[in-house]
Amino acid sequence: MSWQGVYTALVTPFEASGKVDDKALQALVEAQIHAGVTGLVPMGTTGESPTMSHDEHLSVISKVVGWAKGRVPIIAGAGSNSTEEALTLTQRAKDLGASATLQVVPYYNKPNQEGLFRHFWALADAVDLPLIVYNIPGRSGKNLETDTLIRLAAHPRIVGVKEASGDLGQIMDVLQRRPKGFSVLSGDDNLAYTFLALGGDGVISVASHLIPEALVELCRKGLSGDLAGARDLHFRYLTLMKSMFLDTNPIPVKTALAFGGRLQEVFRLPMCPMDEAKRQQLRKVMQDAGLL
């Protein structure tokens, strides 16, 4: 299949007790599918996966797959800085019916490029499921270099990359050198238009929780060659997209969803609520965008 379009990196709503709020999560899934997003990505960093137990992690994936009922592909977050742990999560994600997995560059232990290559190759070899690599050096502490990514793209099950380095030079290098059929998705909403203009395939989005139809239309226009139309949407919502990083993701998007009554403003430590100044700044951006 073609991995193009808007994939929403789902937040995980919590009840006041700290348990997963299934009702709010299901409502988010339905709203996203109804708005026309291409797919859903549960249990990435936006889903607060670092604070979830394995049982909770897999339960969320299972529920999202079940609620989606095959209407959209589900790219399950299954990454780890331990290859064995990632293998276990990946196999379970496959068993639960995920369409693909998202695999982050191993964080904190900072393997060299050969170690990164062997990590992703081992995952792709072991589990018969499409794999999308996630490069986010700002969180992982290690950049997946383009030479390594191109080596990985030779594996038939490594089908794309979520590129969130923020390095335009690297992004262009990846797009220029990727093999045919290898998807390059933006990991930053505010760069989605840039990716599309350069020939990229779409975005794994946070802002799509709030403006799914607009981002679907932006990608549709960009992929069809209507760059002027896509650019208009980009600038119309750029301030909102940038506001999703007023604080550490997913704090702003969950706060914005709470403003709209779609979930409770509950985080798991070490994530915590935004300070009041940032809350007011976010509220104004949402009001200006016509979302409140």
C-alpha atoms as a PDB file:
ATOM      1  CA  MET A   1       0.000   0.000   0.000  1.00  0.00           C
ATOM      2  CA  SER A   2       0.972   3.642  -0.378  1.00  0.00           C
ATOM      3  CA  TRP A   3       1.820   5.442   2.857  1.00  0.00           C
ATOM      4  CA  GLN A   4       0.666   8.943   1.967  1.00  0.00           C
ATOM      5  CA  GLY A   5      -1.555  11.521   3.611  1.00  0.00           C
ATOM      6  CA  VAL A   6      -2.386  12.503   7.192  1.00  0.00           C
ATOM      7  CA  TYR A   7      -1.805  10.058  10.033  1.00  0.00           C
ATOM      8  CA  THR A   8      -2.867  11.306  13.450  1.00  0.00           C
ATOM      9  CA  ALA A   9      -0.449  10.582  16.293  1.00  0.00           C
ATOM     10  CA  LEU A  10      -3.132   9.886  18.887  1.00  0.00           C
ATOM     11  CA  VAL A  11      -3.023  11.263  22.399  1.00  0.00           C
ATOM     12  CA  THR A  12      -4.049   8.956  25.228  1.00  0.00           C
ATOM     13  CA  PRO A  13      -6.817  10.522  27.320  1.00  0.00           C
ATOM     14  CA  PHE A  14      -6.778   9.729  31.040  1.00  0.00           C
ATOM     15  CA  GLU A  15      -9.471   9.800  33.690  1.00  0.00           C
ATOM     16  CA  ALA A  16      -8.880  11.791  36.868  1.00  0.00           C
ATOM     17  CA  SER A  17      -7.707   8.561  38.486  1.00  0.00           C
ATOM     18  CA  GLY A  18      -4.961   8.233  35.869  1.00  0.00           C
ATOM     19  CA  LYS A  19      -6.534   5.289  34.058  1.00  0.00           C
ATOM     20  CA  VAL A  20      -6.976   5.358  30.298  1.00  0.00           C
ATOM     21  CA  ASP A  21     -10.246   7.068  29.390  1.00  0.00           C
ATOM     22  CA  ASP A  22     -11.639   4.625  26.833  1.00  0.00           C
ATOM     23  CA  LYS A  23     -14.738   6.692  26.101  1.00  0.00           C
ATOM     24  CA  ALA A  24     -12.729   9.814  25.237  1.00  0.00           C
ATOM     25  CA  LEU A  25     -10.223   7.814  23.208  1.00  0.00           C
ATOM     26  CA  GLN A  26     -12.933   6.103  21.182  1.00  0.00           C
ATOM     27  CA  ALA A  27     -14.558   9.473  20.495  1.00  0.00           C
ATOM     28  CA  LEU A  28     -11.235  10.809  19.207  1.00  0.00           C
ATOM     29  CA  VAL A  29     -10.813   7.778  16.942  1.00  0.00           C
ATOM     30  CA  GLU A  30     -14.312   8.225  15.496  1.00  0.00           C
ATOM     31  CA  ALA A  31     -13.843  11.966  14.976  1.00  0.00           C
ATOM     32  CA  GLN A  32     -10.552  11.461  13.164  1.00  0.00           C
ATOM     33  CA  ILE A  33     -11.920   8.771  10.862  1.00  0.00           C
ATOM     34  CA  HIS A  34     -15.046  10.823  10.164  1.00  0.00           C
ATOM     35  CA  ALA A  35     -12.833  13.816   9.254  1.00  0.00           C
ATOM     36  CA  GLY A  36     -11.056  11.752   6.617  1.00  0.00           C
ATOM     37  CA  VAL A  37      -7.580  11.203   7.997  1.00  0.00           C
ATOM     38  CA  THR A  38      -5.598   8.503   6.248  1.00  0.00           C
ATOM     39  CA  GLY A  39      -4.655   6.560   9.361  1.00  0.00           C
ATOM     40  CA  LEU A  40      -4.048   6.559  13.093  1.00  0.00           C
ATOM     41  CA  VAL A  41      -0.883   6.162  15.145  1.00  0.00           C
ATOM     42  CA  PRO A  42      -1.572   5.028  18.711  1.00  0.00           C
ATOM     43  CA  MET A  43       1.139   4.693  21.332  1.00  0.00           C
ATOM     44  CA  GLY A  44       3.735   7.019  19.942  1.00  0.00           C
ATOM     45  CA  THR A  45       5.296   9.675  22.143  1.00  0.00           C
ATOM     46  CA  THR A  46       2.151  11.787  21.675  1.00  0.00           C
ATOM     47  CA  GLY A  47       0.273   8.944  23.377  1.00  0.00           C
ATOM     48  CA  GLU A  48       2.564   9.248  26.424  1.00  0.00           C
ATOM     49  CA  SER A  49       3.906   5.770  25.721  1.00  0.00           C
ATOM     50  CA  PRO A  50       6.942   6.233  28.021  1.00  0.00           C
ATOM     51  CA  THR A  51       4.576   6.294  31.017  1.00  0.00           C
ATOM     52  CA  MET A  52       2.409   3.362  29.946  1.00  0.00           C
ATOM     53  CA  SER A  53       2.862  -0.212  31.112  1.00  0.00           C
ATOM     54  CA  HIS A  54       3.217  -2.857  28.394  1.00  0.00           C
ATOM     55  CA  ASP A  55      -0.276  -4.122  29.183  1.00  0.00           C
ATOM     56  CA  GLU A  56      -1.741  -0.621  28.831  1.00  0.00           C
ATOM     57  CA  HIS A  57       0.282   0.039  25.691  1.00  0.00           C
ATOM     58  CA  LEU A  58      -0.987  -3.100  23.986  1.00  0.00           C
ATOM     59  CA  SER A  59      -4.525  -2.564  25.265  1.00  0.00           C
ATOM     60  CA  VAL A  60      -4.692   0.859  23.615  1.00  0.00           C
ATOM     61  CA  ILE A  61      -3.432  -0.568  20.318  1.00  0.00           C
ATOM     62  CA  SER A  62      -5.978  -3.388  20.497  1.00  0.00           C
ATOM     63  CA  LYS A  63      -8.856  -1.016  21.220  1.00  0.00           C
ATOM     64  CA  VAL A  64      -7.918   1.443  18.473  1.00  0.00           C
ATOM     65  CA  VAL A  65      -7.657  -1.409  15.960  1.00  0.00           C
ATOM     66  CA  GLY A  66     -11.034  -2.696  17.085  1.00  0.00           C
ATOM     67  CA  TRP A  67     -12.764   0.679  16.957  1.00  0.00           C
ATOM     68  CA  ALA A  68     -11.304   1.472  13.529  1.00  0.00           C
ATOM     69  CA  LYS A  69     -12.820  -1.733  12.113  1.00  0.00           C
ATOM     70  CA  GLY A  70     -10.497  -1.683   9.124  1.00  0.00           C
ATOM     71  CA  ARG A  71     -11.641   1.751   7.951  1.00  0.00           C
ATOM     72  CA  VAL A  72      -8.122   3.203   8.182  1.00  0.00           C
ATOM     73  CA  PRO A  73      -4.677   1.669   8.693  1.00  0.00           C
ATOM     74  CA  ILE A  74      -3.309   1.635  12.234  1.00  0.00           C
ATOM     75  CA  ILE A  75       0.426   2.312  12.606  1.00  0.00           C
ATOM     76  CA  ALA A  76       1.205   1.139  16.123  1.00  0.00           C
ATOM     77  CA  GLY A  77       4.017   2.681  18.110  1.00  0.00           C
ATOM     78  CA  ALA A  78       6.200  -0.260  19.105  1.00  0.00           C
ATOM     79  CA  GLY A  79       9.668   1.218  19.483  1.00  0.00           C
ATOM     80  CA  SER A  80      12.192   0.888  22.275  1.00  0.00           C
ATOM     81  CA  ASN A  81      15.859   1.455  22.987  1.00  0.00           C
ATOM     82  CA  SER A  82      16.032  -2.299  23.589  1.00  0.00           C
ATOM     83  CA  THR A  83      15.796  -4.338  20.407  1.00  0.00           C
ATOM     84  CA  GLU A  84      14.371  -7.329  22.272  1.00  0.00           C
ATOM     85  CA  GLU A  85      11.650  -5.187  23.847  1.00  0.00           C
ATOM     86  CA  ALA A  86      10.809  -3.634  20.478  1.00  0.00           C
ATOM     87  CA  LEU A  87      10.606  -7.115  18.953  1.00  0.00           C
ATOM     88  CA  THR A  88       8.113  -8.210  21.593  1.00  0.00           C
ATOM     89  CA  LEU A  89       5.955  -5.107  21.127  1.00  0.00           C
ATOM     90  CA  THR A  90       6.119  -5.428  17.350  1.00  0.00           C
ATOM     91  CA  GLN A  91       5.043  -9.053  17.336  1.00  0.00           C
ATOM     92  CA  ARG A  92       2.179  -8.261  19.703  1.00  0.00           C
ATOM     93  CA  ALA A  93       1.111  -5.310  17.548  1.00  0.00           C
ATOM     94  CA  LYS A  94       0.953  -7.640  14.556  1.00  0.00           C
ATOM     95  CA  ASP A  95      -1.065 -10.173  16.538  1.00  0.00           C
ATOM     96  CA  LEU A  96      -3.503  -7.420  17.534  1.00  0.00           C
ATOM     97  CA  GLY A  97      -4.132  -6.460  13.923  1.00  0.00           C
ATOM     98  CA  ALA A  98      -1.972  -3.369  13.426  1.00  0.00           C
ATOM     99  CA  SER A  99      -1.291  -2.438   9.807  1.00  0.00           C
ATOM    100  CA  ALA A 100       2.298  -1.342  10.460  1.00  0.00           C
ATOM    101  CA  THR A 101       4.558  -0.218  13.291  1.00  0.00           C
ATOM    102  CA  LEU A 102       6.380   3.012  13.998  1.00  0.00           C
ATOM    103  CA  GLN A 103       9.893   2.405  15.334  1.00  0.00           C
ATOM    104  CA  VAL A 104      11.749   5.258  16.984  1.00  0.00           C
ATOM    105  CA  VAL A 105      15.512   5.595  16.878  1.00  0.00           C
ATOM    106  CA  PRO A 106      16.762   3.998  20.128  1.00  0.00           C
ATOM    107  CA  TYR A 107      17.034   6.732  22.730  1.00  0.00           C
ATOM    108  CA  TYR A 108      19.470   7.442  25.571  1.00  0.00           C
ATOM    109  CA  ASN A 109      21.890   4.583  24.888  1.00  0.00           C
ATOM    110  CA  LYS A 110      22.851   6.336  21.594  1.00  0.00           C
ATOM    111  CA  PRO A 111      24.017   3.439  19.379  1.00  0.00           C
ATOM    112  CA  ASN A 112      26.320   4.130  16.464  1.00  0.00           C
ATOM    113  CA  GLN A 113      25.040   4.029  12.880  1.00  0.00           C
ATOM    114  CA  GLU A 114      25.794   0.331  12.479  1.00  0.00           C
ATOM    115  CA  GLY A 115      23.913  -0.401  15.676  1.00  0.00           C
ATOM    116  CA  LEU A 116      20.948   1.589  14.407  1.00  0.00           C
ATOM    117  CA  PHE A 117      21.031  -0.295  11.129  1.00  0.00           C
ATOM    118  CA  ARG A 118      21.118  -3.676  12.859  1.00  0.00           C
ATOM    119  CA  HIS A 119      18.316  -2.671  15.249  1.00  0.00           C
ATOM    120  CA  PHE A 120      15.807  -1.754  12.543  1.00  0.00           C
ATOM    121  CA  TRP A 121      16.888  -4.562  10.208  1.00  0.00           C
ATOM    122  CA  ALA A 122      16.389  -7.125  12.982  1.00  0.00           C
ATOM    123  CA  LEU A 123      12.869  -5.849  13.639  1.00  0.00           C
ATOM    124  CA  ALA A 124      11.945  -5.938   9.965  1.00  0.00           C
ATOM    125  CA  ASP A 125      13.414  -9.414   9.560  1.00  0.00           C
ATOM    126  CA  ALA A 126      11.651 -10.857  12.589  1.00  0.00           C
ATOM    127  CA  VAL A 127       8.063  -9.669  12.097  1.00  0.00           C
ATOM    128  CA  ASP A 128       6.134  -9.716   8.830  1.00  0.00           C
ATOM    129  CA  LEU A 129       4.687  -6.231   9.156  1.00  0.00           C
ATOM    130  CA  PRO A 130       5.515  -2.929   7.426  1.00  0.00           C
ATOM    131  CA  LEU A 131       7.870  -0.781   9.496  1.00  0.00           C
ATOM    132  CA  ILE A 132       8.191   3.005   9.476  1.00  0.00           C
ATOM    133  CA  VAL A 133      11.377   4.382  11.000  1.00  0.00           C
ATOM    134  CA  TYR A 134      11.040   7.431  13.251  1.00  0.00           C
ATOM    135  CA  ASN A 135      13.980   9.823  13.277  1.00  0.00           C
ATOM    136  CA  ILE A 136      13.708  12.450  16.014  1.00  0.00           C
ATOM    137  CA  PRO A 137      17.178  13.343  17.303  1.00  0.00           C
ATOM    138  CA  GLY A 138      15.797  16.063  19.594  1.00  0.00           C
ATOM    139  CA  ARG A 139      14.189  13.330  21.716  1.00  0.00           C
ATOM    140  CA  SER A 140      16.352  10.292  21.002  1.00  0.00           C
ATOM    141  CA  GLY A 141      19.709  12.046  21.255  1.00  0.00           C
ATOM    142  CA  LYS A 142      20.904  10.370  18.059  1.00  0.00           C
ATOM    143  CA  ASN A 143      20.380  11.257  14.400  1.00  0.00           C
ATOM    144  CA  LEU A 144      19.732   8.505  11.878  1.00  0.00           C
ATOM    145  CA  GLU A 145      22.021   9.539   9.055  1.00  0.00           C
ATOM    146  CA  THR A 146      20.752   9.408   5.495  1.00  0.00           C
ATOM    147  CA  ASP A 147      23.324   6.797   4.439  1.00  0.00           C
ATOM    148  CA  THR A 148      21.956   4.485   7.148  1.00  0.00           C
ATOM    149  CA  LEU A 149      18.346   5.150   6.215  1.00  0.00           C
ATOM    150  CA  ILE A 150      19.004   4.390   2.550  1.00  0.00           C
ATOM    151  CA  ARG A 151      20.634   1.097   3.542  1.00  0.00           C
ATOM    152  CA  LEU A 152      17.546   0.277   5.595  1.00  0.00           C
ATOM    153  CA  ALA A 153      15.216   1.184   2.721  1.00  0.00           C
ATOM    154  CA  ALA A 154      16.539  -1.852   0.857  1.00  0.00           C
ATOM    155  CA  HIS A 155      14.564  -4.080   3.247  1.00  0.00           C
ATOM    156  CA  PRO A 156      11.161  -4.858   1.692  1.00  0.00           C
ATOM    157  CA  ARG A 157       9.333  -4.358   4.998  1.00  0.00           C
ATOM    158  CA  ILE A 158      10.943  -0.993   5.838  1.00  0.00           C
ATOM    159  CA  VAL A 159       8.496   1.174   3.930  1.00  0.00           C
ATOM    160  CA  GLY A 160       9.092   4.723   5.088  1.00  0.00           C
ATOM    161  CA  VAL A 161      10.385   7.242   7.568  1.00  0.00           C
ATOM    162  CA  LYS A 162       8.786   9.755   9.898  1.00  0.00           C
ATOM    163  CA  GLU A 163      11.430  12.446   9.595  1.00  0.00           C
ATOM    164  CA  ALA A 164      11.491  14.910  12.489  1.00  0.00           C
ATOM    165  CA  SER A 165      15.091  16.082  12.496  1.00  0.00           C
ATOM    166  CA  GLY A 166      14.004  19.601  11.527  1.00  0.00           C
ATOM    167  CA  ASP A 167      17.087  19.723   9.290  1.00  0.00           C
ATOM    168  CA  LEU A 168      15.924  20.856   5.850  1.00  0.00           C
ATOM    169  CA  GLY A 169      19.213  19.800   4.284  1.00  0.00           C
ATOM    170  CA  GLN A 170      18.807  16.275   5.607  1.00  0.00           C
ATOM    171  CA  ILE A 171      15.147  16.181   4.558  1.00  0.00           C
ATOM    172  CA  MET A 172      16.068  17.113   0.986  1.00  0.00           C
ATOM    173  CA  ASP A 173      18.875  14.539   0.985  1.00  0.00           C
ATOM    174  CA  VAL A 174      16.463  11.812   2.049  1.00  0.00           C
ATOM    175  CA  LEU A 175      13.902  12.827  -0.577  1.00  0.00           C
ATOM    176  CA  GLN A 176      16.525  12.968  -3.301  1.00  0.00           C
ATOM    177  CA  ARG A 177      18.059   9.585  -2.496  1.00  0.00           C
ATOM    178  CA  ARG A 178      15.108   7.448  -1.383  1.00  0.00           C
ATOM    179  CA  PRO A 179      14.196   4.474  -3.555  1.00  0.00           C
ATOM    180  CA  LYS A 180      10.916   4.435  -5.450  1.00  0.00           C
ATOM    181  CA  GLY A 181       7.965   3.639  -3.198  1.00  0.00           C
ATOM    182  CA  PHE A 182       9.713   4.600   0.047  1.00  0.00           C
ATOM    183  CA  SER A 183       7.505   7.065   1.938  1.00  0.00           C
ATOM    184  CA  VAL A 184       8.849  10.191   3.609  1.00  0.00           C
ATOM    185  CA  LEU A 185       6.426  11.661   6.142  1.00  0.00           C
ATOM    186  CA  SER A 186       6.946  14.852   8.104  1.00  0.00           C
ATOM    187  CA  GLY A 187       7.072  14.515  11.861  1.00  0.00           C
ATOM    188  CA  ASP A 188       6.414  18.241  12.262  1.00  0.00           C
ATOM    189  CA  ASP A 189       3.070  19.780  11.281  1.00  0.00           C
ATOM    190  CA  ASN A 190       4.610  23.129  10.446  1.00  0.00           C
ATOM    191  CA  LEU A 191       6.901  21.444   7.892  1.00  0.00           C
ATOM    192  CA  ALA A 192       4.205  19.318   6.223  1.00  0.00           C
ATOM    193  CA  TYR A 193       3.790  21.790   3.374  1.00  0.00           C
ATOM    194  CA  THR A 194       7.565  21.934   2.846  1.00  0.00           C
ATOM    195  CA  PHE A 195       7.741  18.136   2.636  1.00  0.00           C
ATOM    196  CA  LEU A 196       4.912  18.055   0.094  1.00  0.00           C
ATOM    197  CA  ALA A 197       6.442  20.838  -1.993  1.00  0.00           C
ATOM    198  CA  LEU A 198       9.695  18.866  -2.125  1.00  0.00           C
ATOM    199  CA  GLY A 199       7.933  15.639  -3.108  1.00  0.00           C
ATOM    200  CA  GLY A 200       7.241  14.120   0.299  1.00  0.00           C
ATOM    201  CA  ASP A 201       4.241  11.997   1.139  1.00  0.00           C
ATOM    202  CA  GLY A 202       2.423  13.634   4.049  1.00  0.00           C
ATOM    203  CA  VAL A 203       2.562  14.031   7.796  1.00  0.00           C
ATOM    204  CA  ILE A 204       2.233  12.127  11.032  1.00  0.00           C
ATOM    205  CA  SER A 205       0.375  14.881  12.781  1.00  0.00           C
ATOM    206  CA  VAL A 206      -0.422  16.260  16.213  1.00  0.00           C
ATOM    207  CA  ALA A 207      -2.441  19.267  15.036  1.00  0.00           C
ATOM    208  CA  SER A 208      -4.835  16.966  13.170  1.00  0.00           C
ATOM    209  CA  HIS A 209      -6.556  16.381  16.517  1.00  0.00           C
ATOM    210  CA  LEU A 210      -7.819  19.961  16.132  1.00  0.00           C
ATOM    211  CA  ILE A 211      -7.922  20.644  12.371  1.00  0.00           C
ATOM    212  CA  PRO A 212      -8.122  17.235  10.678  1.00  0.00           C
ATOM    213  CA  GLU A 213     -10.133  18.391   7.651  1.00  0.00           C
ATOM    214  CA  ALA A 214      -7.744  21.267   6.956  1.00  0.00           C
ATOM    215  CA  LEU A 215      -4.681  19.032   7.099  1.00  0.00           C
ATOM    216  CA  VAL A 216      -6.346  16.377   4.947  1.00  0.00           C
ATOM    217  CA  GLU A 217      -7.088  19.087   2.383  1.00  0.00           C
ATOM    218  CA  LEU A 218      -3.558  20.507   2.642  1.00  0.00           C
ATOM    219  CA  CYS A 219      -2.095  17.088   1.892  1.00  0.00           C
ATOM    220  CA  ARG A 220      -4.597  16.405  -0.871  1.00  0.00           C
ATOM    221  CA  LYS A 221      -3.675  19.639  -2.570  1.00  0.00           C
ATOM    222  CA  GLY A 222       0.040  19.129  -2.060  1.00  0.00           C
ATOM    223  CA  LEU A 223       0.013  15.579  -3.390  1.00  0.00           C
ATOM    224  CA  SER A 224      -2.056  16.595  -6.433  1.00  0.00           C
ATOM    225  CA  GLY A 225       0.301  19.437  -7.317  1.00  0.00           C
ATOM    226  CA  ASP A 226      -1.841  22.345  -6.119  1.00  0.00           C
ATOM    227  CA  LEU A 227       0.982  23.887  -4.128  1.00  0.00           C
ATOM    228  CA  ALA A 228      -0.585  27.341  -4.075  1.00  0.00           C
ATOM    229  CA  GLY A 229      -3.719  25.953  -2.442  1.00  0.00           C
ATOM    230  CA  ALA A 230      -1.671  23.910   0.004  1.00  0.00           C
ATOM    231  CA  ARG A 231       0.438  26.953   0.847  1.00  0.00           C
ATOM    232  CA  ASP A 232      -2.665  29.007   1.637  1.00  0.00           C
ATOM    233  CA  LEU A 233      -3.786  26.386   4.164  1.00  0.00           C
ATOM    234  CA  HIS A 234      -0.258  26.146   5.567  1.00  0.00           C
ATOM    235  CA  PHE A 235      -0.120  29.839   6.392  1.00  0.00           C
ATOM    236  CA  ARG A 236      -3.735  29.953   7.582  1.00  0.00           C
ATOM    237  CA  TYR A 237      -2.975  27.402  10.287  1.00  0.00           C
ATOM    238  CA  LEU A 238       0.769  27.889  10.811  1.00  0.00           C
ATOM    239  CA  THR A 239       0.395  29.720  14.128  1.00  0.00           C
ATOM    240  CA  LEU A 240      -1.874  26.974  15.437  1.00  0.00           C
ATOM    241  CA  MET A 241       0.517  24.259  14.269  1.00  0.00           C
ATOM    242  CA  LYS A 242       3.432  25.999  15.952  1.00  0.00           C
ATOM    243  CA  SER A 243       1.410  26.414  19.159  1.00  0.00           C
ATOM    244  CA  MET A 244       1.435  22.640  19.570  1.00  0.00           C
ATOM    245  CA  PHE A 245       5.022  23.112  20.725  1.00  0.00           C
ATOM    246  CA  LEU A 246       4.502  25.911  23.247  1.00  0.00           C
ATOM    247  CA  ASP A 247       5.383  23.171  25.713  1.00  0.00           C
ATOM    248  CA  THR A 248       6.554  19.583  25.449  1.00  0.00           C
ATOM    249  CA  ASN A 249       4.313  17.452  23.240  1.00  0.00           C
ATOM    250  CA  PRO A 250       1.627  16.244  24.042  1.00  0.00           C
ATOM    251  CA  ILE A 251       0.934  18.855  26.736  1.00  0.00           C
ATOM    252  CA  PRO A 252      -0.362  21.597  24.383  1.00  0.00           C
ATOM    253  CA  VAL A 253      -2.574  19.367  22.232  1.00  0.00           C
ATOM    254  CA  LYS A 254      -4.140  17.672  25.254  1.00  0.00           C
ATOM    255  CA  THR A 255      -4.717  21.084  26.818  1.00  0.00           C
ATOM    256  CA  ALA A 256      -6.337  22.293  23.595  1.00  0.00           C
ATOM    257  CA  LEU A 257      -8.575  19.221  23.474  1.00  0.00           C
ATOM    258  CA  ALA A 258      -9.502  19.814  27.116  1.00  0.00           C
ATOM    259  CA  PHE A 259     -10.469  23.420  26.268  1.00  0.00           C
ATOM    260  CA  GLY A 260     -12.963  21.903  23.830  1.00  0.00           C
ATOM    261  CA  GLY A 261     -14.286  19.428  26.400  1.00  0.00           C
ATOM    262  CA  ARG A 262     -13.023  16.402  24.503  1.00  0.00           C
ATOM    263  CA  LEU A 263     -10.904  14.969  27.287  1.00  0.00           C
ATOM    264  CA  GLN A 264      -9.766  15.756  30.800  1.00  0.00           C
ATOM    265  CA  GLU A 265      -6.570  17.735  31.279  1.00  0.00           C
ATOM    266  CA  VAL A 266      -4.798  14.826  32.935  1.00  0.00           C
ATOM    267  CA  PHE A 267      -1.190  13.797  32.346  1.00  0.00           C
ATOM    268  CA  ARG A 268       1.085  11.181  33.808  1.00  0.00           C
ATOM    269  CA  LEU A 269       4.173  12.440  35.547  1.00  0.00           C
ATOM    270  CA  PRO A 270       6.684  13.619  34.587  1.00  0.00           C
ATOM    271  CA  MET A 271       4.280  15.358  32.165  1.00  0.00           C
ATOM    272  CA  CYS A 272       2.244  18.068  33.889  1.00  0.00           C
ATOM    273  CA  PRO A 273      -0.083  20.959  32.956  1.00  0.00           C
ATOM    274  CA  MET A 274       1.112  24.079  31.164  1.00  0.00           C
ATOM    275  CA  ASP A 275       1.682  27.232  33.180  1.00  0.00           C
ATOM    276  CA  GLU A 276      -1.073  29.842  33.060  1.00  0.00           C
ATOM    277  CA  ALA A 277       0.721  32.201  30.658  1.00  0.00           C
ATOM    278  CA  LYS A 278       1.132  29.474  28.071  1.00  0.00           C
ATOM    279  CA  ARG A 279      -2.447  28.305  28.622  1.00  0.00           C
ATOM    280  CA  GLN A 280      -3.723  31.792  27.841  1.00  0.00           C
ATOM    281  CA  GLN A 281      -1.456  32.020  24.796  1.00  0.00           C
ATOM    282  CA  LEU A 282      -2.781  28.691  23.504  1.00  0.00           C
ATOM    283  CA  ARG A 283      -6.379  29.693  24.189  1.00  0.00           C
ATOM    284  CA  LYS A 284      -5.945  32.895  22.157  1.00  0.00           C
ATOM    285  CA  VAL A 285      -4.412  30.985  19.231  1.00  0.00           C
ATOM    286  CA  MET A 286      -7.366  28.611  19.259  1.00  0.00           C
ATOM    287  CA  GLN A 287      -9.838  31.486  19.418  1.00  0.00           C
ATOM    288  CA  ASP A 288      -8.095  33.216  16.527  1.00  0.00           C
ATOM    289  CA  ALA A 289      -8.333  29.973  14.535  1.00  0.00           C
ATOM    290  CA  GLY A 290     -12.072  29.767  15.231  1.00  0.00           C
ATOM    291  CA  LEU A 291     -11.739  26.631  17.348  1.00  0.00           C
ATOM    292  CA  LEU A 292     -13.163  28.103  20.568  1.00  0.00           C
END
